[in-house]
Amino acid sequence: MADISRYPGLRHLRGAPTVHIRHIRKGKLIHEGTGLSFWFRPRTAVLSEVPVDDRELPTLFHARTKDYQQVTVQLTVTYRCTDPETTTARIDFSIDPDTGTWRQDPLSQVSSMLTERAQQLALKVLSTLDLETALRAGVERVKESVSANLTAEHIGLDIIDVRVVAIRPDSDMEKALQTTIREKVQQEADKATYERRALAVERERAISENELQNQIELAKREELLVVQKGANALKKAEDHARSSRIYDDTKAEGIRKLAEAEAAGEKARLEAYKEIPQGTLLAMAAKELAGHLPEIGSITITPDMLAPVLRKLAE
């Protein structure tokens, strides 16, 4: 709102950097621009004040989807006046020269025009979407449609931005969808739990199989160890038996050779005895016999015992 000071027969207006002022007197433009400050006569001046800063227009409305479900759309339109001359020509932005207030409510007119146009564009998009698609992708589609088609150049305004805040179903449908989603999430959680348990069982089975395989491998190695020990014991016994047999054979061979040597010596001695006279042999035999007889203290020789011996010696 412009700051107007009152003086007798005169008024002084002081504007703001974000307000465009138009001063017309007798149909002629006297002052126009932002941040103006000037004197004027209230009885001949026609003043207009148009805000040229960015304005946000939040709006909330209901729409119906393709499957006849009610949804609530919340969006915000940001606009700015870029042609104040056109704006003041289409909408009444005139102010009272005494108070500086608008004679009408121009911003409400602008809001109504923009809101209705944005609603039409949003309803057109949502009427082609079912509820699930509208809730999932409706925000982006409504934003694209409103941003591309919402214009206000005919009233000197420029659309700066369009933001679709949310698209929500009615309370009953929202509860039903939340229940469905909760059940789906619970099912996914249960599925994840079952898969985790199945994975744990599978891992336990793999561990058991691995342990069993290790036990089988250990049993095979123990069997090989037993077989190897048996083979080693058998080989040791065979080697011992072979050594004993060789020892016995060697000993028997030595005994045999010793016996042969003794026999050969006895034979050679007997051969030597063949050349010795019989009497000498008898004498030698007697000597040998005397060496093996027990000790004799006294001996009595009669003529009957001595006669045959002497006779033999004489012969």
C-alpha atoms as a PDB file:
ATOM      1  CA  MET A   1       0.000   0.000   0.000  1.00  0.00           C
ATOM      2  CA  ALA A   2       1.297   3.455  -0.961  1.00  0.00           C
ATOM      3  CA  ASP A   3       2.167   5.933   1.770  1.00  0.00           C
ATOM      4  CA  ILE A   4       0.090   9.094   1.204  1.00  0.00           C
ATOM      5  CA  SER A   5       0.510  12.230   3.274  1.00  0.00           C
ATOM      6  CA  ARG A   6      -2.401  14.680   3.405  1.00  0.00           C
ATOM      7  CA  TYR A   7      -2.080  18.428   3.098  1.00  0.00           C
ATOM      8  CA  PRO A   8      -4.756  21.079   2.403  1.00  0.00           C
ATOM      9  CA  GLY A   9      -5.566  20.739  -1.287  1.00  0.00           C
ATOM     10  CA  LEU A  10      -2.512  18.483  -1.916  1.00  0.00           C
ATOM     11  CA  ARG A  11      -1.351  14.984  -1.323  1.00  0.00           C
ATOM     12  CA  HIS A  12       2.094  13.440  -1.321  1.00  0.00           C
ATOM     13  CA  LEU A  13       2.603   9.825  -2.440  1.00  0.00           C
ATOM     14  CA  ARG A  14       5.632   7.771  -1.611  1.00  0.00           C
ATOM     15  CA  GLY A  15       5.863   4.384  -3.306  1.00  0.00           C
ATOM     16  CA  ALA A  16       7.988   1.242  -2.741  1.00  0.00           C
ATOM     17  CA  PRO A  17      10.565  -0.581  -4.888  1.00  0.00           C
ATOM     18  CA  THR A  18       8.177  -3.497  -5.403  1.00  0.00           C
ATOM     19  CA  VAL A  19       5.113  -1.420  -6.328  1.00  0.00           C
ATOM     20  CA  HIS A  20       4.415   0.063  -9.752  1.00  0.00           C
ATOM     21  CA  ILE A  21       2.549   3.403  -9.569  1.00  0.00           C
ATOM     22  CA  ARG A  22       0.564   4.965 -12.428  1.00  0.00           C
ATOM     23  CA  HIS A  23      -0.595   8.577 -12.095  1.00  0.00           C
ATOM     24  CA  ILE A  24      -3.103   9.780 -14.695  1.00  0.00           C
ATOM     25  CA  ARG A  25      -4.573  13.279 -14.824  1.00  0.00           C
ATOM     26  CA  LYS A  26      -7.198  14.291 -17.349  1.00  0.00           C
ATOM     27  CA  GLY A  27      -6.494  11.086 -19.303  1.00  0.00           C
ATOM     28  CA  LYS A  28      -2.772  11.726 -19.564  1.00  0.00           C
ATOM     29  CA  LEU A  29      -0.056   9.667 -17.895  1.00  0.00           C
ATOM     30  CA  ILE A  30       1.838  11.906 -15.500  1.00  0.00           C
ATOM     31  CA  HIS A  31       3.912   9.497 -13.419  1.00  0.00           C
ATOM     32  CA  GLU A  32       4.696   5.779 -13.901  1.00  0.00           C
ATOM     33  CA  GLY A  33       7.251   3.474 -12.333  1.00  0.00           C
ATOM     34  CA  THR A  34       8.449   1.864  -9.116  1.00  0.00           C
ATOM     35  CA  GLY A  35       9.809   3.693  -6.097  1.00  0.00           C
ATOM     36  CA  LEU A  36       8.165   7.001  -7.085  1.00  0.00           C
ATOM     37  CA  SER A  37       7.543   9.967  -4.847  1.00  0.00           C
ATOM     38  CA  PHE A  38       5.476  12.950  -6.036  1.00  0.00           C
ATOM     39  CA  TRP A  39       2.826  15.553  -5.220  1.00  0.00           C
ATOM     40  CA  PHE A  40      -0.662  15.430  -6.710  1.00  0.00           C
ATOM     41  CA  ARG A  41      -4.117  16.964  -6.377  1.00  0.00           C
ATOM     42  CA  PRO A  42      -6.616  14.386  -5.097  1.00  0.00           C
ATOM     43  CA  ARG A  43      -9.558  15.780  -7.104  1.00  0.00           C
ATOM     44  CA  THR A  44      -7.847  15.379 -10.495  1.00  0.00           C
ATOM     45  CA  ALA A  45      -5.542  12.398  -9.952  1.00  0.00           C
ATOM     46  CA  VAL A  46      -6.241   8.804 -10.915  1.00  0.00           C
ATOM     47  CA  LEU A  47      -3.808   6.503  -9.171  1.00  0.00           C
ATOM     48  CA  SER A  48      -3.109   2.767  -9.701  1.00  0.00           C
ATOM     49  CA  GLU A  49      -0.841   0.572  -7.624  1.00  0.00           C
ATOM     50  CA  VAL A  50       0.323  -2.787  -8.981  1.00  0.00           C
ATOM     51  CA  PRO A  51       2.710  -5.045  -6.991  1.00  0.00           C
ATOM     52  CA  VAL A  52       5.518  -6.295  -9.227  1.00  0.00           C
ATOM     53  CA  ASP A  53       7.207  -8.672  -6.766  1.00  0.00           C
ATOM     54  CA  ASP A  54       6.841 -12.478  -6.940  1.00  0.00           C
ATOM     55  CA  ARG A  55       3.545 -13.642  -5.505  1.00  0.00           C
ATOM     56  CA  GLU A  56       2.641 -17.156  -4.437  1.00  0.00           C
ATOM     57  CA  LEU A  57      -0.876 -18.478  -4.839  1.00  0.00           C
ATOM     58  CA  PRO A  58      -1.518 -21.669  -2.830  1.00  0.00           C
ATOM     59  CA  THR A  59      -4.651 -23.540  -3.783  1.00  0.00           C
ATOM     60  CA  LEU A  60      -6.436 -26.678  -2.623  1.00  0.00           C
ATOM     61  CA  PHE A  61      -9.186 -28.383  -4.621  1.00  0.00           C
ATOM     62  CA  HIS A  62     -10.842 -31.746  -5.200  1.00  0.00           C
ATOM     63  CA  ALA A  63     -10.705 -33.835  -8.364  1.00  0.00           C
ATOM     64  CA  ARG A  64     -11.996 -37.174  -9.621  1.00  0.00           C
ATOM     65  CA  THR A  65      -9.863 -39.859 -11.201  1.00  0.00           C
ATOM     66  CA  LYS A  66     -10.666 -42.125 -14.117  1.00  0.00           C
ATOM     67  CA  ASP A  67     -12.053 -44.800 -11.786  1.00  0.00           C
ATOM     68  CA  TYR A  68     -14.321 -42.253 -10.015  1.00  0.00           C
ATOM     69  CA  GLN A  69     -12.202 -41.843  -6.900  1.00  0.00           C
ATOM     70  CA  GLN A  70     -12.012 -38.496  -5.114  1.00  0.00           C
ATOM     71  CA  VAL A  71      -8.551 -36.983  -4.596  1.00  0.00           C
ATOM     72  CA  THR A  72      -7.377 -33.720  -3.104  1.00  0.00           C
ATOM     73  CA  VAL A  73      -4.807 -31.691  -5.026  1.00  0.00           C
ATOM     74  CA  GLN A  74      -2.565 -29.154  -3.334  1.00  0.00           C
ATOM     75  CA  LEU A  75      -0.489 -26.912  -5.580  1.00  0.00           C
ATOM     76  CA  THR A  76       1.158 -23.496  -5.500  1.00  0.00           C
ATOM     77  CA  VAL A  77       1.506 -21.058  -8.412  1.00  0.00           C
ATOM     78  CA  THR A  78       4.152 -18.336  -8.356  1.00  0.00           C
ATOM     79  CA  TYR A  79       3.451 -15.347 -10.619  1.00  0.00           C
ATOM     80  CA  ARG A  80       4.638 -11.785 -11.208  1.00  0.00           C
ATOM     81  CA  CYS A  81       3.280  -8.715 -12.962  1.00  0.00           C
ATOM     82  CA  THR A  82       5.472  -7.926 -15.991  1.00  0.00           C
ATOM     83  CA  ASP A  83       3.131  -5.542 -17.855  1.00  0.00           C
ATOM     84  CA  PRO A  84       1.478  -3.155 -15.379  1.00  0.00           C
ATOM     85  CA  GLU A  85      -0.204  -1.180 -18.133  1.00  0.00           C
ATOM     86  CA  THR A  86      -2.058  -4.275 -19.368  1.00  0.00           C
ATOM     87  CA  THR A  87      -2.804  -5.358 -15.827  1.00  0.00           C
ATOM     88  CA  THR A  88      -4.347  -2.023 -14.857  1.00  0.00           C
ATOM     89  CA  ALA A  89      -6.322  -2.001 -18.094  1.00  0.00           C
ATOM     90  CA  ARG A  90      -7.857  -5.471 -17.398  1.00  0.00           C
ATOM     91  CA  ILE A  91      -8.162  -5.366 -13.598  1.00  0.00           C
ATOM     92  CA  ASP A  92      -8.991  -2.462 -11.330  1.00  0.00           C
ATOM     93  CA  PHE A  93      -5.864  -1.668  -9.262  1.00  0.00           C
ATOM     94  CA  SER A  94      -6.904   1.933  -8.536  1.00  0.00           C
ATOM     95  CA  ILE A  95      -6.278   3.326  -5.045  1.00  0.00           C
ATOM     96  CA  ASP A  96      -7.985   5.977  -2.973  1.00  0.00           C
ATOM     97  CA  PRO A  97      -5.982   9.229  -3.211  1.00  0.00           C
ATOM     98  CA  ASP A  98      -6.662   9.972   0.437  1.00  0.00           C
ATOM     99  CA  THR A  99      -5.898   6.608   2.092  1.00  0.00           C
ATOM    100  CA  GLY A 100      -3.800   4.757  -0.508  1.00  0.00           C
ATOM    101  CA  THR A 101      -5.936   1.584  -0.259  1.00  0.00           C
ATOM    102  CA  TRP A 102      -7.350  -0.311  -3.225  1.00  0.00           C
ATOM    103  CA  ARG A 103     -10.903   0.601  -4.126  1.00  0.00           C
ATOM    104  CA  GLN A 104     -11.544  -3.053  -5.113  1.00  0.00           C
ATOM    105  CA  ASP A 105      -9.810  -6.367  -4.289  1.00  0.00           C
ATOM    106  CA  PRO A 106      -7.681  -6.942  -7.422  1.00  0.00           C
ATOM    107  CA  LEU A 107      -5.486  -9.668  -5.960  1.00  0.00           C
ATOM    108  CA  SER A 108      -8.562 -11.807  -5.250  1.00  0.00           C
ATOM    109  CA  GLN A 109      -9.571 -11.447  -8.892  1.00  0.00           C
ATOM    110  CA  VAL A 110      -6.113 -12.530 -10.004  1.00  0.00           C
ATOM    111  CA  SER A 111      -6.150 -15.460  -7.581  1.00  0.00           C
ATOM    112  CA  SER A 112      -9.560 -16.625  -8.797  1.00  0.00           C
ATOM    113  CA  MET A 113      -8.538 -16.495 -12.440  1.00  0.00           C
ATOM    114  CA  LEU A 114      -5.277 -18.390 -11.874  1.00  0.00           C
ATOM    115  CA  THR A 115      -6.825 -20.922  -9.498  1.00  0.00           C
ATOM    116  CA  GLU A 116      -9.675 -21.798 -11.832  1.00  0.00           C
ATOM    117  CA  ARG A 117      -7.328 -22.148 -14.802  1.00  0.00           C
ATOM    118  CA  ALA A 118      -4.914 -24.372 -12.808  1.00  0.00           C
ATOM    119  CA  GLN A 119      -7.821 -26.485 -11.569  1.00  0.00           C
ATOM    120  CA  GLN A 120      -9.095 -27.053 -15.086  1.00  0.00           C
ATOM    121  CA  LEU A 121      -5.695 -28.232 -16.269  1.00  0.00           C
ATOM    122  CA  ALA A 122      -5.241 -30.518 -13.259  1.00  0.00           C
ATOM    123  CA  LEU A 123      -8.739 -32.004 -13.581  1.00  0.00           C
ATOM    124  CA  LYS A 124      -8.093 -32.734 -17.239  1.00  0.00           C
ATOM    125  CA  VAL A 125      -4.979 -34.725 -16.396  1.00  0.00           C
ATOM    126  CA  LEU A 126      -6.414 -36.595 -13.417  1.00  0.00           C
ATOM    127  CA  SER A 127      -9.541 -37.618 -15.329  1.00  0.00           C
ATOM    128  CA  THR A 128      -7.336 -39.795 -17.541  1.00  0.00           C
ATOM    129  CA  LEU A 129      -5.565 -41.555 -14.634  1.00  0.00           C
ATOM    130  CA  ASP A 130      -6.786 -44.241 -12.271  1.00  0.00           C
ATOM    131  CA  LEU A 131      -6.293 -43.794  -8.543  1.00  0.00           C
ATOM    132  CA  GLU A 132      -3.117 -45.863  -8.283  1.00  0.00           C
ATOM    133  CA  THR A 133      -1.459 -44.048 -11.175  1.00  0.00           C
ATOM    134  CA  ALA A 134      -2.611 -40.669  -9.869  1.00  0.00           C
ATOM    135  CA  LEU A 135      -1.076 -41.321  -6.470  1.00  0.00           C
ATOM    136  CA  ARG A 136       2.114 -42.716  -7.952  1.00  0.00           C
ATOM    137  CA  ALA A 137       2.788 -40.398 -10.897  1.00  0.00           C
ATOM    138  CA  GLY A 138       0.039 -37.786 -10.770  1.00  0.00           C
ATOM    139  CA  VAL A 139       2.151 -35.101  -9.077  1.00  0.00           C
ATOM    140  CA  GLU A 140       4.658 -34.987 -11.915  1.00  0.00           C
ATOM    141  CA  ARG A 141       2.036 -35.181 -14.661  1.00  0.00           C
ATOM    142  CA  VAL A 142      -0.132 -32.449 -13.170  1.00  0.00           C
ATOM    143  CA  LYS A 143       2.915 -30.227 -12.712  1.00  0.00           C
ATOM    144  CA  GLU A 144       3.986 -30.722 -16.324  1.00  0.00           C
ATOM    145  CA  SER A 145       0.506 -29.949 -17.668  1.00  0.00           C
ATOM    146  CA  VAL A 146      -0.085 -26.849 -15.522  1.00  0.00           C
ATOM    147  CA  SER A 147       3.435 -25.486 -16.140  1.00  0.00           C
ATOM    148  CA  ALA A 148       3.076 -25.901 -19.901  1.00  0.00           C
ATOM    149  CA  ASN A 149      -0.477 -24.565 -20.315  1.00  0.00           C
ATOM    150  CA  LEU A 150      -1.109 -22.058 -17.520  1.00  0.00           C
ATOM    151  CA  THR A 151      -0.619 -18.514 -18.888  1.00  0.00           C
ATOM    152  CA  ALA A 152      -1.746 -15.067 -17.781  1.00  0.00           C
ATOM    153  CA  GLU A 153      -0.179 -12.821 -20.390  1.00  0.00           C
ATOM    154  CA  HIS A 154      -3.614 -11.432 -21.298  1.00  0.00           C
ATOM    155  CA  ILE A 155      -3.692  -9.715 -17.901  1.00  0.00           C
ATOM    156  CA  GLY A 156       0.002  -8.786 -17.884  1.00  0.00           C
ATOM    157  CA  LEU A 157       1.170 -11.559 -15.584  1.00  0.00           C
ATOM    158  CA  ASP A 158       3.985 -14.065 -16.014  1.00  0.00           C
ATOM    159  CA  ILE A 159       3.861 -17.558 -14.418  1.00  0.00           C
ATOM    160  CA  ILE A 160       7.188 -18.099 -12.693  1.00  0.00           C
ATOM    161  CA  ASP A 161       6.740 -21.586 -11.187  1.00  0.00           C
ATOM    162  CA  VAL A 162       4.181 -24.306 -10.484  1.00  0.00           C
ATOM    163  CA  ARG A 163       4.642 -26.709  -7.578  1.00  0.00           C
ATOM    164  CA  VAL A 164       2.315 -29.633  -6.939  1.00  0.00           C
ATOM    165  CA  VAL A 165       2.669 -30.322  -3.245  1.00  0.00           C
ATOM    166  CA  ALA A 166       0.522 -33.461  -2.929  1.00  0.00           C
ATOM    167  CA  ILE A 167      -2.288 -35.559  -4.362  1.00  0.00           C
ATOM    168  CA  ARG A 168      -4.163 -37.469  -1.662  1.00  0.00           C
ATOM    169  CA  PRO A 169      -7.248 -39.709  -1.663  1.00  0.00           C
ATOM    170  CA  ASP A 170     -10.091 -39.240   0.800  1.00  0.00           C
ATOM    171  CA  SER A 171      -9.612 -40.431   4.377  1.00  0.00           C
ATOM    172  CA  ASP A 172     -11.418 -43.797   3.989  1.00  0.00           C
ATOM    173  CA  MET A 173      -9.575 -44.676   0.809  1.00  0.00           C
ATOM    174  CA  GLU A 174      -6.281 -43.550   2.324  1.00  0.00           C
ATOM    175  CA  LYS A 175      -6.823 -45.876   5.302  1.00  0.00           C
ATOM    176  CA  ALA A 176      -7.667 -48.747   2.939  1.00  0.00           C
ATOM    177  CA  LEU A 177      -4.563 -48.069   0.872  1.00  0.00           C
ATOM    178  CA  GLN A 178      -2.445 -47.809   3.988  1.00  0.00           C
ATOM    179  CA  THR A 179      -3.813 -51.153   5.163  1.00  0.00           C
ATOM    180  CA  THR A 180      -3.066 -52.709   1.781  1.00  0.00           C
ATOM    181  CA  ILE A 181       0.415 -51.272   1.754  1.00  0.00           C
ATOM    182  CA  ARG A 182       1.016 -52.408   5.326  1.00  0.00           C
ATOM    183  CA  GLU A 183      -0.065 -55.919   4.410  1.00  0.00           C
ATOM    184  CA  LYS A 184       2.170 -55.862   1.351  1.00  0.00           C
ATOM    185  CA  VAL A 185       5.091 -54.584   3.386  1.00  0.00           C
ATOM    186  CA  GLN A 186       4.382 -57.245   6.030  1.00  0.00           C
ATOM    187  CA  GLN A 187       4.284 -59.903   3.326  1.00  0.00           C
ATOM    188  CA  GLU A 188       7.606 -58.662   1.990  1.00  0.00           C
ATOM    189  CA  ALA A 189       9.010 -58.709   5.513  1.00  0.00           C
ATOM    190  CA  ASP A 190       7.699 -62.247   6.071  1.00  0.00           C
ATOM    191  CA  LYS A 191       9.144 -63.298   2.736  1.00  0.00           C
ATOM    192  CA  ALA A 192      12.485 -61.817   3.685  1.00  0.00           C
ATOM    193  CA  THR A 193      12.304 -63.626   7.041  1.00  0.00           C
ATOM    194  CA  TYR A 194      11.467 -66.937   5.362  1.00  0.00           C
ATOM    195  CA  GLU A 195      14.257 -66.449   2.828  1.00  0.00           C
ATOM    196  CA  ARG A 196      16.672 -65.627   5.639  1.00  0.00           C
ATOM    197  CA  ARG A 197      15.612 -68.747   7.531  1.00  0.00           C
ATOM    198  CA  ALA A 198      15.861 -70.855   4.374  1.00  0.00           C
ATOM    199  CA  LEU A 199      19.305 -69.432   3.756  1.00  0.00           C
ATOM    200  CA  ALA A 200      20.304 -70.250   7.331  1.00  0.00           C
ATOM    201  CA  VAL A 201      18.990 -73.815   6.937  1.00  0.00           C
ATOM    202  CA  GLU A 202      20.825 -74.153   3.649  1.00  0.00           C
ATOM    203  CA  ARG A 203      24.018 -72.926   5.243  1.00  0.00           C
ATOM    204  CA  GLU A 204      23.585 -75.343   8.150  1.00  0.00           C
ATOM    205  CA  ARG A 205      23.002 -78.151   5.667  1.00  0.00           C
ATOM    206  CA  ALA A 206      26.110 -77.152   3.757  1.00  0.00           C
ATOM    207  CA  ILE A 207      28.088 -77.046   6.999  1.00  0.00           C
ATOM    208  CA  SER A 208      26.756 -80.507   7.998  1.00  0.00           C
ATOM    209  CA  GLU A 209      27.580 -81.905   4.582  1.00  0.00           C
ATOM    210  CA  ASN A 210      31.037 -80.404   4.810  1.00  0.00           C
ATOM    211  CA  GLU A 211      31.567 -81.932   8.247  1.00  0.00           C
ATOM    212  CA  LEU A 212      30.285 -85.288   7.003  1.00  0.00           C
ATOM    213  CA  GLN A 213      32.554 -85.069   3.997  1.00  0.00           C
ATOM    214  CA  ASN A 214      35.456 -84.267   6.291  1.00  0.00           C
ATOM    215  CA  GLN A 215      34.580 -87.262   8.469  1.00  0.00           C
ATOM    216  CA  ILE A 216      34.389 -89.511   5.397  1.00  0.00           C
ATOM    217  CA  GLU A 217      37.720 -88.191   4.184  1.00  0.00           C
ATOM    218  CA  LEU A 218      39.204 -88.730   7.651  1.00  0.00           C
ATOM    219  CA  ALA A 219      37.824 -92.286   7.788  1.00  0.00           C
ATOM    220  CA  LYS A 220      39.337 -92.995   4.366  1.00  0.00           C
ATOM    221  CA  ARG A 221      42.668 -91.668   5.520  1.00  0.00           C
ATOM    222  CA  GLU A 222      42.452 -93.739   8.721  1.00  0.00           C
ATOM    223  CA  GLU A 223      41.673 -96.788   6.595  1.00  0.00           C
ATOM    224  CA  LEU A 224      44.672 -96.059   4.404  1.00  0.00           C
ATOM    225  CA  LEU A 225      46.748 -95.577   7.556  1.00  0.00           C
ATOM    226  CA  VAL A 226      45.622 -98.956   8.944  1.00  0.00           C
ATOM    227  CA  VAL A 227      46.335-100.638   5.613  1.00  0.00           C
ATOM    228  CA  GLN A 228      49.711 -98.955   5.456  1.00  0.00           C
ATOM    229  CA  LYS A 229      50.513-100.008   9.041  1.00  0.00           C
ATOM    230  CA  GLY A 230      49.490-103.592   8.200  1.00  0.00           C
ATOM    231  CA  ALA A 231      51.630-103.558   5.087  1.00  0.00           C
ATOM    232  CA  ASN A 232      54.540-102.153   7.065  1.00  0.00           C
ATOM    233  CA  ALA A 233      54.108-104.815   9.773  1.00  0.00           C
ATOM    234  CA  LEU A 234      53.865-107.560   7.148  1.00  0.00           C
ATOM    235  CA  LYS A 235      56.967-106.307   5.396  1.00  0.00           C
ATOM    236  CA  LYS A 236      58.786-106.120   8.713  1.00  0.00           C
ATOM    237  CA  ALA A 237      57.775-109.686   9.557  1.00  0.00           C
ATOM    238  CA  GLU A 238      58.794-110.860   6.107  1.00  0.00           C
ATOM    239  CA  ASP A 239      62.120-109.080   6.422  1.00  0.00           C
ATOM    240  CA  HIS A 240      62.633-110.593   9.873  1.00  0.00           C
ATOM    241  CA  ALA A 241      61.688-114.048   8.618  1.00  0.00           C
ATOM    242  CA  ARG A 242      63.930-113.605   5.631  1.00  0.00           C
ATOM    243  CA  SER A 243      66.802-112.520   7.876  1.00  0.00           C
ATOM    244  CA  SER A 244      66.207-115.455  10.238  1.00  0.00           C
ATOM    245  CA  ARG A 245      66.072-117.877   7.341  1.00  0.00           C
ATOM    246  CA  ILE A 246      69.299-116.494   5.911  1.00  0.00           C
ATOM    247  CA  TYR A 247      70.909-116.756   9.363  1.00  0.00           C
ATOM    248  CA  ASP A 248      69.709-120.324   9.813  1.00  0.00           C
ATOM    249  CA  ASP A 249      70.854-121.225   6.326  1.00  0.00           C
ATOM    250  CA  THR A 250      74.230-119.657   6.974  1.00  0.00           C
ATOM    251  CA  LYS A 251      74.541-121.454  10.321  1.00  0.00           C
ATOM    252  CA  ALA A 252      73.508-124.790   8.809  1.00  0.00           C
ATOM    253  CA  GLU A 253      75.942-124.266   5.972  1.00  0.00           C
ATOM    254  CA  GLY A 254      78.721-123.584   8.494  1.00  0.00           C
ATOM    255  CA  ILE A 255      77.847-126.676  10.497  1.00  0.00           C
ATOM    256  CA  ARG A 256      77.738-128.741   7.332  1.00  0.00           C
ATOM    257  CA  LYS A 257      81.090-127.431   6.177  1.00  0.00           C
ATOM    258  CA  LEU A 258      82.553-128.027   9.674  1.00  0.00           C
ATOM    259  CA  ALA A 259      81.229-131.586   9.655  1.00  0.00           C
ATOM    260  CA  GLU A 260      82.632-132.132   6.192  1.00  0.00           C
ATOM    261  CA  ALA A 261      85.967-130.769   7.352  1.00  0.00           C
ATOM    262  CA  GLU A 262      85.927-133.018  10.405  1.00  0.00           C
ATOM    263  CA  ALA A 263      84.943-135.995   8.253  1.00  0.00           C
ATOM    264  CA  ALA A 264      87.672-135.151   5.779  1.00  0.00           C
ATOM    265  CA  GLY A 265      90.183-134.906   8.654  1.00  0.00           C
ATOM    266  CA  GLU A 266      88.980-138.187  10.122  1.00  0.00           C
ATOM    267  CA  LYS A 267      89.246-139.785   6.717  1.00  0.00           C
ATOM    268  CA  ALA A 268      92.751-138.430   6.249  1.00  0.00           C
ATOM    269  CA  ARG A 269      93.717-139.724   9.672  1.00  0.00           C
ATOM    270  CA  LEU A 270      92.304-143.119   8.887  1.00  0.00           C
ATOM    271  CA  GLU A 271      94.191-143.107   5.632  1.00  0.00           C
ATOM    272  CA  ALA A 272      97.336-142.347   7.568  1.00  0.00           C
ATOM    273  CA  TYR A 273      96.646-145.223   9.954  1.00  0.00           C
ATOM    274  CA  LYS A 274      96.665-147.673   7.053  1.00  0.00           C
ATOM    275  CA  GLU A 275     100.440-147.281   6.645  1.00  0.00           C
ATOM    276  CA  ILE A 276     101.180-147.805  10.363  1.00  0.00           C
ATOM    277  CA  PRO A 277     101.906-151.395  11.576  1.00  0.00           C
ATOM    278  CA  GLN A 278      99.220-153.089  13.590  1.00  0.00           C
ATOM    279  CA  GLY A 279     101.331-153.297  16.682  1.00  0.00           C
ATOM    280  CA  THR A 280     101.981-149.616  16.617  1.00  0.00           C
ATOM    281  CA  LEU A 281      98.285-149.018  16.190  1.00  0.00           C
ATOM    282  CA  LEU A 282      97.585-151.153  19.184  1.00  0.00           C
ATOM    283  CA  ALA A 283     100.128-149.308  21.205  1.00  0.00           C
ATOM    284  CA  MET A 284      98.656-146.040  20.177  1.00  0.00           C
ATOM    285  CA  ALA A 285      95.184-147.296  20.944  1.00  0.00           C
ATOM    286  CA  ALA A 286      96.355-148.407  24.327  1.00  0.00           C
ATOM    287  CA  LYS A 287      97.845-145.035  24.936  1.00  0.00           C
ATOM    288  CA  GLU A 288      94.670-143.342  23.847  1.00  0.00           C
ATOM    289  CA  LEU A 289      92.665-145.655  26.001  1.00  0.00           C
ATOM    290  CA  ALA A 290      94.894-145.012  28.962  1.00  0.00           C
ATOM    291  CA  GLY A 291      94.334-141.276  28.543  1.00  0.00           C
ATOM    292  CA  HIS A 292      90.614-141.798  28.897  1.00  0.00           C
ATOM    293  CA  LEU A 293      90.609-144.373  31.702  1.00  0.00           C
ATOM    294  CA  PRO A 294      89.982-143.298  35.258  1.00  0.00           C
ATOM    295  CA  GLU A 295      92.850-143.087  37.678  1.00  0.00           C
ATOM    296  CA  ILE A 296      94.110-146.567  38.721  1.00  0.00           C
ATOM    297  CA  GLY A 297      95.878-146.941  42.052  1.00  0.00           C
ATOM    298  CA  SER A 298      97.335-150.437  41.466  1.00  0.00           C
ATOM    299  CA  ILE A 299      97.062-153.163  38.803  1.00  0.00           C
ATOM    300  CA  THR A 300      97.766-156.918  39.078  1.00  0.00           C
ATOM    301  CA  ILE A 301      99.009-158.725  35.933  1.00  0.00           C
ATOM    302  CA  THR A 302      98.935-162.547  35.929  1.00  0.00           C
ATOM    303  CA  PRO A 303     100.880-164.805  33.563  1.00  0.00           C
ATOM    304  CA  ASP A 304      97.694-165.868  31.940  1.00  0.00           C
ATOM    305  CA  MET A 305      96.912-162.254  30.952  1.00  0.00           C
ATOM    306  CA  LEU A 306     100.421-161.397  29.829  1.00  0.00           C
ATOM    307  CA  ALA A 307     101.197-164.549  27.765  1.00  0.00           C
ATOM    308  CA  PRO A 308      98.834-163.758  24.828  1.00  0.00           C
ATOM    309  CA  VAL A 309     100.097-160.184  24.613  1.00  0.00           C
ATOM    310  CA  LEU A 310     103.669-161.205  24.503  1.00  0.00           C
ATOM    311  CA  ARG A 311     102.926-163.723  21.955  1.00  0.00           C
ATOM    312  CA  LYS A 312     101.316-161.180  19.736  1.00  0.00           C
ATOM    313  CA  LEU A 313     104.215-158.809  20.177  1.00  0.00           C
ATOM    314  CA  ALA A 314     106.650-161.554  19.256  1.00  0.00           C
ATOM    315  CA  GLU A 315     104.707-162.259  16.166  1.00  0.00           C
END
